[in-house]
PDB file of N, CA and C in Angstrom:
ATOM      1  N   MET A   1       0.150 -76.703 -91.596  1.00  0.00           N
ATOM      2  CA  MET A   1       0.580 -76.451 -92.773  1.00  0.00           C
ATOM      3  C   MET A   1      -0.444 -75.620 -93.600  1.00  0.00           C
ATOM      4  N   ARG A   2       0.046 -74.589 -94.094  1.00  0.00           N
ATOM      5  CA  ARG A   2      -0.890 -73.622 -94.965  1.00  0.00           C
ATOM      6  C   ARG A   2      -1.229 -73.984 -96.253  1.00  0.00           C
ATOM      7  N   LYS A   3      -2.374 -74.044 -96.780  1.00  0.00           N
ATOM      8  CA  LYS A   3      -2.438 -74.520 -98.331  1.00  0.00           C
ATOM      9  C   LYS A   3      -2.311 -73.292 -99.022  1.00  0.00           C
ATOM     10  N   LEU A   4      -1.603 -73.307-100.159  1.00  0.00           N
ATOM     11  CA  LEU A   4      -1.494 -72.137-101.086  1.00  0.00           C
ATOM     12  C   LEU A   4      -2.399 -72.153-102.086  1.00  0.00           C
ATOM     13  N   GLY A   5      -3.156 -71.084-102.278  1.00  0.00           N
ATOM     14  CA  GLY A   5      -4.186 -71.021-103.382  1.00  0.00           C
ATOM     15  C   GLY A   5      -3.467 -70.208-104.425  1.00  0.00           C
ATOM     16  N   PRO A   6      -4.449 -70.005-105.393  1.00  0.00           N
ATOM     17  CA  PRO A   6      -3.894 -69.016-106.453  1.00  0.00           C
ATOM     18  C   PRO A   6      -3.514 -67.749-106.209  1.00  0.00           C
ATOM     19  N   GLN A   7      -2.563 -67.149-106.542  1.00  0.00           N
ATOM     20  CA  GLN A   7      -2.049 -65.916-106.104  1.00  0.00           C
ATOM     21  C   GLN A   7      -3.084 -64.692-106.664  1.00  0.00           C
ATOM     22  N   LYS A   8      -3.081 -63.767-105.706  1.00  0.00           N
ATOM     23  CA  LYS A   8      -4.041 -62.719-106.110  1.00  0.00           C
ATOM     24  C   LYS A   8      -3.198 -61.585-107.105  1.00  0.00           C
ATOM     25  N   LYS A   9      -3.725 -61.055-108.106  1.00  0.00           N
ATOM     26  CA  LYS A   9      -3.080 -60.052-108.674  1.00  0.00           C
ATOM     27  C   LYS A   9      -2.986 -58.769-107.852  1.00  0.00           C
ATOM     28  N   ALA A  10      -1.858 -58.000-107.893  1.00  0.00           N
ATOM     29  CA  ALA A  10      -1.676 -56.751-107.137  1.00  0.00           C
ATOM     30  C   ALA A  10      -2.534 -55.583-107.962  1.00  0.00           C
ATOM     31  N   PRO A  11      -3.249 -54.992-107.093  1.00  0.00           N
ATOM     32  CA  PRO A  11      -3.938 -53.795-107.649  1.00  0.00           C
ATOM     33  C   PRO A  11      -3.037 -52.863-108.420  1.00  0.00           C
ATOM     34  N   ALA A  12      -3.487 -52.345-109.487  1.00  0.00           N
ATOM     35  CA  ALA A  12      -2.767 -51.331-110.355  1.00  0.00           C
ATOM     36  C   ALA A  12      -2.737 -50.109-109.581  1.00  0.00           C
ATOM     37  N   GLY A  13      -1.744 -50.039-108.575  1.00  0.00           N
ATOM     38  CA  GLY A  13      -1.627 -48.730-107.932  1.00  0.00           C
ATOM     39  C   GLY A  13      -0.584 -47.890-108.292  1.00  0.00           C
ATOM     40  N   GLY A  14       0.215 -48.266-109.180  1.00  0.00           N
ATOM     41  CA  GLY A  14       1.388 -47.383-109.515  1.00  0.00           C
ATOM     42  C   GLY A  14       2.505 -47.306-108.741  1.00  0.00           C
ATOM     43  N   ALA A  15       3.001 -46.006-108.567  1.00  0.00           N
ATOM     44  CA  ALA A  15       4.159 -45.632-107.763  1.00  0.00           C
ATOM     45  C   ALA A  15       4.011 -46.054-106.402  1.00  0.00           C
ATOM     46  N   GLY A  16       2.797 -45.623-105.709  1.00  0.00           N
ATOM     47  CA  GLY A  16       2.710 -46.021-104.303  1.00  0.00           C
ATOM     48  C   GLY A  16       2.857 -47.594-103.968  1.00  0.00           C
ATOM     49  N   ASN A  17       2.358 -48.381-104.906  1.00  0.00           N
ATOM     50  CA  ASN A  17       2.286 -49.990-104.629  1.00  0.00           C
ATOM     51  C   ASN A  17       3.626 -50.418-104.734  1.00  0.00           C
ATOM     52  N   LYS A  18       4.559 -49.806-105.743  1.00  0.00           N
ATOM     53  CA  LYS A  18       6.036 -49.969-105.971  1.00  0.00           C
ATOM     54  C   LYS A  18       6.751 -49.723-104.700  1.00  0.00           C
ATOM     55  N   GLN A  19       6.439 -48.509-104.115  1.00  0.00           N
ATOM     56  CA  GLN A  19       7.281 -48.233-103.056  1.00  0.00           C
ATOM     57  C   GLN A  19       6.957 -49.158-101.778  1.00  0.00           C
ATOM     58  N   GLU A  20       5.846 -49.465-101.512  1.00  0.00           N
ATOM     59  CA  GLU A  20       5.454 -50.575-100.514  1.00  0.00           C
ATOM     60  C   GLU A  20       6.143 -51.767-100.759  1.00  0.00           C
ATOM     61  N   GLN A  21       6.143 -52.241-101.917  1.00  0.00           N
ATOM     62  CA  GLN A  21       6.964 -53.522-102.154  1.00  0.00           C
ATOM     63  C   GLN A  21       8.319 -53.392-101.932  1.00  0.00           C
ATOM     64  N   PHE A  22       8.903 -52.265-102.361  1.00  0.00           N
ATOM     65  CA  PHE A  22      10.374 -51.810-102.084  1.00  0.00           C
ATOM     66  C   PHE A  22      10.549 -51.821-100.536  1.00  0.00           C
ATOM     67  N   ALA A  23       9.564 -51.185 -99.916  1.00  0.00           N
ATOM     68  CA  ALA A  23       9.713 -51.074 -98.312  1.00  0.00           C
ATOM     69  C   ALA A  23       9.844 -52.284 -97.758  1.00  0.00           C
ATOM     70  N   LYS A  24       9.021 -53.409 -98.302  1.00  0.00           N
ATOM     71  CA  LYS A  24       9.080 -54.639 -97.704  1.00  0.00           C
ATOM     72  C   LYS A  24      10.244 -55.246 -97.985  1.00  0.00           C
ATOM     73  N   LYS A  25      10.953 -54.979 -98.927  1.00  0.00           N
ATOM     74  CA  LYS A  25      12.354 -55.632 -99.263  1.00  0.00           C
ATOM     75  C   LYS A  25      13.425 -55.158 -98.399  1.00  0.00           C
ATOM     76  N   VAL A  26      13.273 -53.901 -98.129  1.00  0.00           N
ATOM     77  CA  VAL A  26      14.426 -53.251 -97.358  1.00  0.00           C
ATOM     78  C   VAL A  26      14.071 -53.413 -95.894  1.00  0.00           C
ATOM     79  N   GLY A  27      13.147 -54.065 -95.432  1.00  0.00           N
ATOM     80  CA  GLY A  27      13.380 -54.323 -93.918  1.00  0.00           C
ATOM     81  C   GLY A  27      12.161 -53.443 -93.358  1.00  0.00           C
ATOM     82  N   GLY A  28      11.171 -53.158 -94.053  1.00  0.00           N
ATOM     83  CA  GLY A  28      10.057 -52.470 -93.425  1.00  0.00           C
ATOM     84  C   GLY A  28      10.221 -50.942 -93.415  1.00  0.00           C
ATOM     85  N   VAL A  29      11.253 -50.456 -93.894  1.00  0.00           N
ATOM     86  CA  VAL A  29      11.389 -48.937 -93.808  1.00  0.00           C
ATOM     87  C   VAL A  29      10.235 -48.382 -94.802  1.00  0.00           C
ATOM     88  N   GLU A  30       9.254 -47.685 -94.321  1.00  0.00           N
ATOM     89  CA  GLU A  30       8.267 -47.281 -95.340  1.00  0.00           C
ATOM     90  C   GLU A  30       8.602 -45.839 -96.059  1.00  0.00           C
ATOM     91  N   ALA A  31       8.284 -45.887 -97.362  1.00  0.00           N
ATOM     92  CA  ALA A  31       8.776 -44.617 -98.051  1.00  0.00           C
ATOM     93  C   ALA A  31       7.773 -43.499 -97.469  1.00  0.00           C
ATOM     94  N   PRO A  32       8.372 -42.414 -97.404  1.00  0.00           N
ATOM     95  CA  PRO A  32       7.441 -41.218 -96.940  1.00  0.00           C
ATOM     96  C   PRO A  32       6.516 -40.902 -97.972  1.00  0.00           C
ATOM     97  N   LYS A  33       5.334 -40.293 -97.430  1.00  0.00           N
ATOM     98  CA  LYS A  33       4.186 -40.021 -98.273  1.00  0.00           C
ATOM     99  C   LYS A  33       4.517 -39.114 -99.409  1.00  0.00           C
ATOM    100  N   GLY A  34       5.342 -38.179 -99.547  1.00  0.00           N
ATOM    101  CA  GLY A  34       5.805 -37.295-100.318  1.00  0.00           C
ATOM    102  C   GLY A  34       6.813 -37.863-101.377  1.00  0.00           C
ATOM    103  N   ALA A  35       7.260 -39.045-101.048  1.00  0.00           N
ATOM    104  CA  ALA A  35       8.262 -39.643-101.983  1.00  0.00           C
ATOM    105  C   ALA A  35       7.621 -40.478-103.024  1.00  0.00           C
ATOM    106  N   SER A  36       8.070 -40.373-104.373  1.00  0.00           N
ATOM    107  CA  SER A  36       7.418 -40.729-105.520  1.00  0.00           C
ATOM    108  C   SER A  36       8.525 -41.406-106.383  1.00  0.00           C
ATOM    109  N   GLN A  37       8.216 -42.236-107.140  1.00  0.00           N
ATOM    110  CA  GLN A  37       9.182 -43.025-108.111  1.00  0.00           C
ATOM    111  C   GLN A  37       9.624 -42.025-109.151  1.00  0.00           C
ATOM    112  N   GLY A  38      10.822 -41.651-109.128  1.00  0.00           N
ATOM    113  CA  GLY A  38      11.415 -40.807-109.931  1.00  0.00           C
ATOM    114  C   GLY A  38      10.888 -39.291-109.844  1.00  0.00           C
ATOM    115  N   SER A  39      10.312 -38.691-108.849  1.00  0.00           N
ATOM    116  CA  SER A  39       9.753 -37.576-108.661  1.00  0.00           C
ATOM    117  C   SER A  39      10.855 -36.534-108.688  1.00  0.00           C
ATOM    118  N   SER A  40      10.570 -35.393-109.274  1.00  0.00           N
ATOM    119  CA  SER A  40      11.586 -34.562-109.370  1.00  0.00           C
ATOM    120  C   SER A  40      11.150 -33.214-108.685  1.00  0.00           C
ATOM    121  N   GLY A  41      11.952 -32.553-107.825  1.00  0.00           N
ATOM    122  CA  GLY A  41      11.452 -31.232-107.256  1.00  0.00           C
ATOM    123  C   GLY A  41      12.115 -30.345-108.253  1.00  0.00           C
ATOM    124  N   VAL A  42      12.488 -29.032-107.486  1.00  0.00           N
ATOM    125  CA  VAL A  42      13.052 -28.181-108.508  1.00  0.00           C
ATOM    126  C   VAL A  42      14.254 -28.405-109.064  1.00  0.00           C
ATOM    127  N   GLY A  43      14.422 -28.172-110.304  1.00  0.00           N
ATOM    128  CA  GLY A  43      15.679 -28.579-111.019  1.00  0.00           C
ATOM    129  C   GLY A  43      16.020 -30.017-111.160  1.00  0.00           C
ATOM    130  N   GLY A  44      14.896 -30.829-111.127  1.00  0.00           N
ATOM    131  CA  GLY A  44      15.096 -32.197-111.509  1.00  0.00           C
ATOM    132  C   GLY A  44      15.750 -33.061-110.379  1.00  0.00           C
ATOM    133  N   GLY A  45      15.828 -32.737-109.092  1.00  0.00           N
ATOM    134  CA  GLY A  45      16.546 -33.370-108.143  1.00  0.00           C
ATOM    135  C   GLY A  45      15.501 -34.309-107.373  1.00  0.00           C
ATOM    136  N   PHE A  46      16.078 -34.807-106.352  1.00  0.00           N
ATOM    137  CA  PHE A  46      15.103 -35.636-105.389  1.00  0.00           C
ATOM    138  C   PHE A  46      14.705 -34.780-104.346  1.00  0.00           C
ATOM    139  N   SER A  47      13.516 -35.099-103.863  1.00  0.00           N
ATOM    140  CA  SER A  47      13.113 -34.304-102.596  1.00  0.00           C
ATOM    141  C   SER A  47      13.674 -34.915-101.402  1.00  0.00           C
ATOM    142  N   GLU A  48      13.548 -34.010-100.189  1.00  0.00           N
ATOM    143  CA  GLU A  48      14.114 -34.309 -98.943  1.00  0.00           C
ATOM    144  C   GLU A  48      13.634 -35.637 -98.470  1.00  0.00           C
ATOM    145  N   ASN A  49      12.228 -35.925 -98.732  1.00  0.00           N
ATOM    146  CA  ASN A  49      11.676 -37.281 -98.295  1.00  0.00           C
ATOM    147  C   ASN A  49      12.434 -38.287 -98.969  1.00  0.00           C
ATOM    148  N   ASP A  50      12.608 -38.254-100.321  1.00  0.00           N
ATOM    149  CA  ASP A  50      13.238 -39.282-101.085  1.00  0.00           C
ATOM    150  C   ASP A  50      14.690 -39.635-100.611  1.00  0.00           C
ATOM    151  N   ILE A  51      15.410 -38.594-100.311  1.00  0.00           N
ATOM    152  CA  ILE A  51      16.783 -38.616 -99.660  1.00  0.00           C
ATOM    153  C   ILE A  51      16.661 -39.310 -98.442  1.00  0.00           C
ATOM    154  N   GLU A  52      15.751 -39.036 -97.461  1.00  0.00           N
ATOM    155  CA  GLU A  52      15.746 -39.581 -96.340  1.00  0.00           C
ATOM    156  C   GLU A  52      15.392 -41.215 -96.193  1.00  0.00           C
ATOM    157  N   PHE A  53      14.447 -41.378 -97.271  1.00  0.00           N
ATOM    158  CA  PHE A  53      13.912 -42.852 -97.427  1.00  0.00           C
ATOM    159  C   PHE A  53      15.291 -43.638 -97.930  1.00  0.00           C
ATOM    160  N   MET A  54      16.166 -43.113 -98.812  1.00  0.00           N
ATOM    161  CA  MET A  54      17.152 -43.846 -99.423  1.00  0.00           C
ATOM    162  C   MET A  54      18.297 -43.954 -98.255  1.00  0.00           C
ATOM    163  N   LYS A  55      18.403 -42.943 -97.332  1.00  0.00           N
ATOM    164  CA  LYS A  55      19.400 -43.032 -96.272  1.00  0.00           C
ATOM    165  C   LYS A  55      19.035 -44.285 -95.339  1.00  0.00           C
ATOM    166  N   LYS A  56      17.786 -44.254 -95.074  1.00  0.00           N
ATOM    167  CA  LYS A  56      17.171 -45.480 -94.175  1.00  0.00           C
ATOM    168  C   LYS A  56      17.468 -46.663 -94.830  1.00  0.00           C
ATOM    169  N   ALA A  57      17.124 -46.879 -96.167  1.00  0.00           N
ATOM    170  CA  ALA A  57      17.294 -48.127 -96.786  1.00  0.00           C
ATOM    171  C   ALA A  57      18.816 -48.593 -96.934  1.00  0.00           C
ATOM    172  N   ILE A  58      19.681 -47.627 -97.178  1.00  0.00           N
ATOM    173  CA  ILE A  58      21.076 -47.869 -97.395  1.00  0.00           C
ATOM    174  C   ILE A  58      21.685 -48.243 -95.789  1.00  0.00           C
ATOM    175  N   GLN A  59      21.154 -47.651 -94.759  1.00  0.00           N
ATOM    176  CA  GLN A  59      21.514 -48.180 -93.543  1.00  0.00           C
ATOM    177  C   GLN A  59      20.996 -49.466 -93.115  1.00  0.00           C
ATOM    178  N   ILE A  60      19.787 -49.825 -93.502  1.00  0.00           N
ATOM    179  CA  ILE A  60      19.656 -51.181 -93.185  1.00  0.00           C
ATOM    180  C   ILE A  60      20.409 -52.242 -94.006  1.00  0.00           C
ATOM    181  N   LEU A  61      20.481 -51.828 -95.130  1.00  0.00           N
ATOM    182  CA  LEU A  61      21.340 -52.760 -96.214  1.00  0.00           C
ATOM    183  C   LEU A  61      22.783 -52.945 -95.520  1.00  0.00           C
ATOM    184  N   CYS A  62      23.375 -51.918 -94.986  1.00  0.00           N
ATOM    185  CA  CYS A  62      24.655 -52.015 -94.616  1.00  0.00           C
ATOM    186  C   CYS A  62      24.615 -52.912 -93.067  1.00  0.00           C
ATOM    187  N   GLN A  63      23.505 -52.565 -92.306  1.00  0.00           N
ATOM    188  CA  GLN A  63      23.488 -53.337 -91.152  1.00  0.00           C
ATOM    189  C   GLN A  63      23.190 -54.893 -91.474  1.00  0.00           C
ATOM    190  N   SER A  64      22.729 -55.288 -92.481  1.00  0.00           N
ATOM    191  CA  SER A  64      22.368 -56.506 -92.533  1.00  0.00           C
ATOM    192  C   SER A  64      23.474 -57.329 -93.412  1.00  0.00           C
ATOM    193  N   THR A  65      24.327 -56.622 -94.116  1.00  0.00           N
ATOM    194  CA  THR A  65      25.520 -57.135 -94.662  1.00  0.00           C
ATOM    195  C   THR A  65      26.948 -57.250 -93.946  1.00  0.00           C
ATOM    196  N   ASN A  66      26.720 -56.464 -92.968  1.00  0.00           N
ATOM    197  CA  ASN A  66      27.871 -56.221 -91.973  1.00  0.00           C
ATOM    198  C   ASN A  66      28.452 -57.664 -91.543  1.00  0.00           C
ATOM    199  N   PRO A  67      27.502 -58.585 -90.925  1.00  0.00           N
ATOM    200  CA  PRO A  67      27.900 -59.580 -90.293  1.00  0.00           C
ATOM    201  C   PRO A  67      28.535 -60.547 -91.239  1.00  0.00           C
ATOM    202  N   LEU A  68      28.017 -60.642 -92.455  1.00  0.00           N
ATOM    203  CA  LEU A  68      28.483 -61.471 -93.539  1.00  0.00           C
ATOM    204  C   LEU A  68      29.934 -61.099 -93.823  1.00  0.00           C
ATOM    205  N   GLY A  69      30.067 -59.771 -93.968  1.00  0.00           N
ATOM    206  CA  GLY A  69      31.545 -59.315 -94.236  1.00  0.00           C
ATOM    207  C   GLY A  69      32.580 -59.773 -93.129  1.00  0.00           C
ATOM    208  N   LYS A  70      32.173 -59.765 -91.793  1.00  0.00           N
ATOM    209  CA  LYS A  70      32.842 -60.155 -90.655  1.00  0.00           C
ATOM    210  C   LYS A  70      33.036 -61.658 -90.745  1.00  0.00           C
ATOM    211  N   SER A  71      32.060 -62.351 -91.013  1.00  0.00           N
ATOM    212  CA  SER A  71      32.319 -63.790 -91.297  1.00  0.00           C
ATOM    213  C   SER A  71      33.336 -64.105 -92.369  1.00  0.00           C
ATOM    214  N   ILE A  72      33.341 -63.456 -93.463  1.00  0.00           N
ATOM    215  CA  ILE A  72      34.272 -63.637 -94.536  1.00  0.00           C
ATOM    216  C   ILE A  72      35.778 -63.414 -94.103  1.00  0.00           C
ATOM    217  N   ASP A  73      35.816 -62.494 -93.267  1.00  0.00           N
ATOM    218  CA  ASP A  73      37.324 -62.263 -92.684  1.00  0.00           C
ATOM    219  C   ASP A  73      37.784 -63.477 -92.060  1.00  0.00           C
ATOM    220  N   PHE A  74      37.047 -64.085 -91.208  1.00  0.00           N
ATOM    221  CA  PHE A  74      37.319 -65.251 -90.585  1.00  0.00           C
ATOM    222  C   PHE A  74      37.715 -66.506 -91.515  1.00  0.00           C
ATOM    223  N   VAL A  75      37.296 -66.579 -92.673  1.00  0.00           N
ATOM    224  CA  VAL A  75      37.373 -67.799 -93.518  1.00  0.00           C
ATOM    225  C   VAL A  75      38.787 -68.018 -93.856  1.00  0.00           C
ATOM    226  N   THR A  76      39.568 -66.938 -94.240  1.00  0.00           N
ATOM    227  CA  THR A  76      40.903 -67.083 -94.569  1.00  0.00           C
ATOM    228  C   THR A  76      41.715 -67.654 -93.419  1.00  0.00           C
ATOM    229  N   ASP A  77      41.389 -67.148 -92.113  1.00  0.00           N
ATOM    230  CA  ASP A  77      42.078 -67.611 -90.840  1.00  0.00           C
ATOM    231  C   ASP A  77      41.711 -69.168 -90.782  1.00  0.00           C
ATOM    232  N   ASP A  78      40.470 -69.447 -90.884  1.00  0.00           N
ATOM    233  CA  ASP A  78      40.042 -70.794 -90.866  1.00  0.00           C
ATOM    234  C   ASP A  78      40.880 -71.751 -91.825  1.00  0.00           C
ATOM    235  N   ILE A  79      40.983 -71.221 -93.064  1.00  0.00           N
ATOM    236  CA  ILE A  79      41.432 -72.040 -94.038  1.00  0.00           C
ATOM    237  C   ILE A  79      43.139 -72.406 -93.743  1.00  0.00           C
ATOM    238  N   ASP A  80      43.815 -71.326 -93.142  1.00  0.00           N
ATOM    239  CA  ASP A  80      45.105 -71.443 -92.778  1.00  0.00           C
ATOM    240  C   ASP A  80      45.374 -72.430 -91.795  1.00  0.00           C
ATOM    241  N   SER A  81      44.443 -72.307 -90.691  1.00  0.00           N
ATOM    242  CA  SER A  81      44.641 -73.224 -89.609  1.00  0.00           C
ATOM    243  C   SER A  81      44.136 -74.633 -90.067  1.00  0.00           C
ATOM    244  N   MET A  82      43.268 -74.819 -90.977  1.00  0.00           N
ATOM    245  CA  MET A  82      42.950 -76.148 -91.444  1.00  0.00           C
ATOM    246  C   MET A  82      44.041 -76.811 -92.105  1.00  0.00           C
ATOM    247  N   SER A  83      44.781 -75.847 -93.054  1.00  0.00           N
ATOM    248  CA  SER A  83      45.943 -76.536 -93.762  1.00  0.00           C
ATOM    249  C   SER A  83      47.129 -76.924 -92.741  1.00  0.00           C
ATOM    250  N   LYS A  84      47.217 -76.066 -91.852  1.00  0.00           N
ATOM    251  CA  LYS A  84      48.358 -76.451 -90.805  1.00  0.00           C
ATOM    252  C   LYS A  84      48.168 -77.729 -90.183  1.00  0.00           C
ATOM    253  N   GLU A  85      46.708 -77.927 -89.928  1.00  0.00           N
ATOM    254  CA  GLU A  85      46.262 -79.212 -89.140  1.00  0.00           C
ATOM    255  C   GLU A  85      46.596 -80.280 -90.018  1.00  0.00           C
ATOM    256  N   TYR A  86      46.043 -80.039 -91.310  1.00  0.00           N
ATOM    257  CA  TYR A  86      46.164 -81.131 -92.366  1.00  0.00           C
ATOM    258  C   TYR A  86      47.799 -81.656 -92.406  1.00  0.00           C
ATOM    259  N   GLU A  87      48.570 -80.737 -92.462  1.00  0.00           N
ATOM    260  CA  GLU A  87      49.935 -81.122 -92.543  1.00  0.00           C
ATOM    261  C   GLU A  87      50.461 -81.766 -91.476  1.00  0.00           C
ATOM    262  N   TYR A  88      50.188 -81.279 -90.159  1.00  0.00           N
ATOM    263  CA  TYR A  88      50.449 -82.078 -89.090  1.00  0.00           C
ATOM    264  C   TYR A  88      49.983 -83.627 -89.064  1.00  0.00           C
ATOM    265  N   TRP A  89      48.761 -83.834 -89.383  1.00  0.00           N
ATOM    266  CA  TRP A  89      48.145 -85.103 -89.291  1.00  0.00           C
ATOM    267  C   TRP A  89      48.834 -86.037 -90.672  1.00  0.00           C
ATOM    268  N   ARG A  90      49.242 -85.252 -91.476  1.00  0.00           N
ATOM    269  CA  ARG A  90      49.844 -86.107 -92.749  1.00  0.00           C
ATOM    270  C   ARG A  90      51.089 -86.620 -92.165  1.00  0.00           C
ATOM    271  N   ARG A  91      51.987 -85.695 -91.535  1.00  0.00           N
ATOM    272  CA  ARG A  91      53.342 -86.002 -91.119  1.00  0.00           C
ATOM    273  C   ARG A  91      53.176 -87.203 -90.075  1.00  0.00           C
ATOM    274  N   GLU A  92      52.044 -86.974 -89.218  1.00  0.00           N
ATOM    275  CA  GLU A  92      51.991 -88.016 -88.008  1.00  0.00           C
ATOM    276  C   GLU A  92      51.636 -89.295 -88.698  1.00  0.00           C
ATOM    277  N   SER A  93      50.790 -89.262 -89.745  1.00  0.00           N
ATOM    278  CA  SER A  93      50.460 -90.583 -90.501  1.00  0.00           C
ATOM    279  C   SER A  93      51.667 -91.162 -91.042  1.00  0.00           C
ATOM    280  N   LEU A  94      52.529 -90.394 -91.753  1.00  0.00           N
ATOM    281  CA  LEU A  94      53.631 -90.893 -92.366  1.00  0.00           C
ATOM    282  C   LEU A  94      54.651 -91.655 -91.521  1.00  0.00           C
ATOM    283  N   SER A  95      54.662 -90.959 -90.247  1.00  0.00           N
ATOM    284  CA  SER A  95      55.583 -91.174 -89.188  1.00  0.00           C
ATOM    285  C   SER A  95      55.217 -92.657 -88.560  1.00  0.00           C
ATOM    286  N   CYS A  96      53.923 -92.734 -88.434  1.00  0.00           N
ATOM    287  CA  CYS A  96      53.435 -93.868 -87.799  1.00  0.00           C
ATOM    288  C   CYS A  96      53.204 -95.170 -88.728  1.00  0.00           C
ATOM    289  N   GLN A  97      53.285 -94.847 -90.137  1.00  0.00           N
ATOM    290  CA  GLN A  97      53.167 -95.785 -91.108  1.00  0.00           C
ATOM    291  C   GLN A  97      54.625 -96.422 -91.051  1.00  0.00           C
ATOM    292  N   SER A  98      55.590 -95.410 -91.051  1.00  0.00           N
ATOM    293  CA  SER A  98      57.074 -95.965 -91.082  1.00  0.00           C
ATOM    294  C   SER A  98      57.296 -96.740 -90.020  1.00  0.00           C
ATOM    295  N   LYS A  99      56.855 -96.556 -88.748  1.00  0.00           N
ATOM    296  CA  LYS A  99      57.085 -97.382 -87.611  1.00  0.00           C
ATOM    297  C   LYS A  99      56.244 -98.654 -87.688  1.00  0.00           C
ATOM    298  N   LEU A 100      54.994 -98.718 -88.266  1.00  0.00           N
ATOM    299  CA  LEU A 100      54.338 -99.866 -88.436  1.00  0.00           C
ATOM    300  C   LEU A 100      55.075-100.815 -89.503  1.00  0.00           C
ATOM    301  N   GLU A 101      55.857-100.190 -90.629  1.00  0.00           N
ATOM    302  CA  GLU A 101      56.579-101.097 -91.449  1.00  0.00           C
ATOM    303  C   GLU A 101      57.705-101.680 -90.737  1.00  0.00           C
ATOM    304  N   GLU A 102      58.217-101.020 -89.702  1.00  0.00           N
ATOM    305  CA  GLU A 102      59.594-101.655 -89.283  1.00  0.00           C
ATOM    306  C   GLU A 102      59.060-102.679 -88.153  1.00  0.00           C
TER     307      GLU A 102
END
């Protein structure tokens, strides 16, 4: 077991450091060298590198949330089948209880 010591402060790196942290959060997609936080190209838009980085980040997000969405689809089916099974066993219990009383 690893002993945790005092946390080190992150170096004051500015935009590059924030991009590295963001890249770690989105599954290791590294921000392109030309991409910067809020950098604007001609006309205040985003550079091609910024757009490519966001495309990759969105792709990773969709890939990681897709299995969750598929699992949620099965929840309603499971609840329906559990309700039917519950009703079956409830009727069975009532039937057996009435036979027992006789």
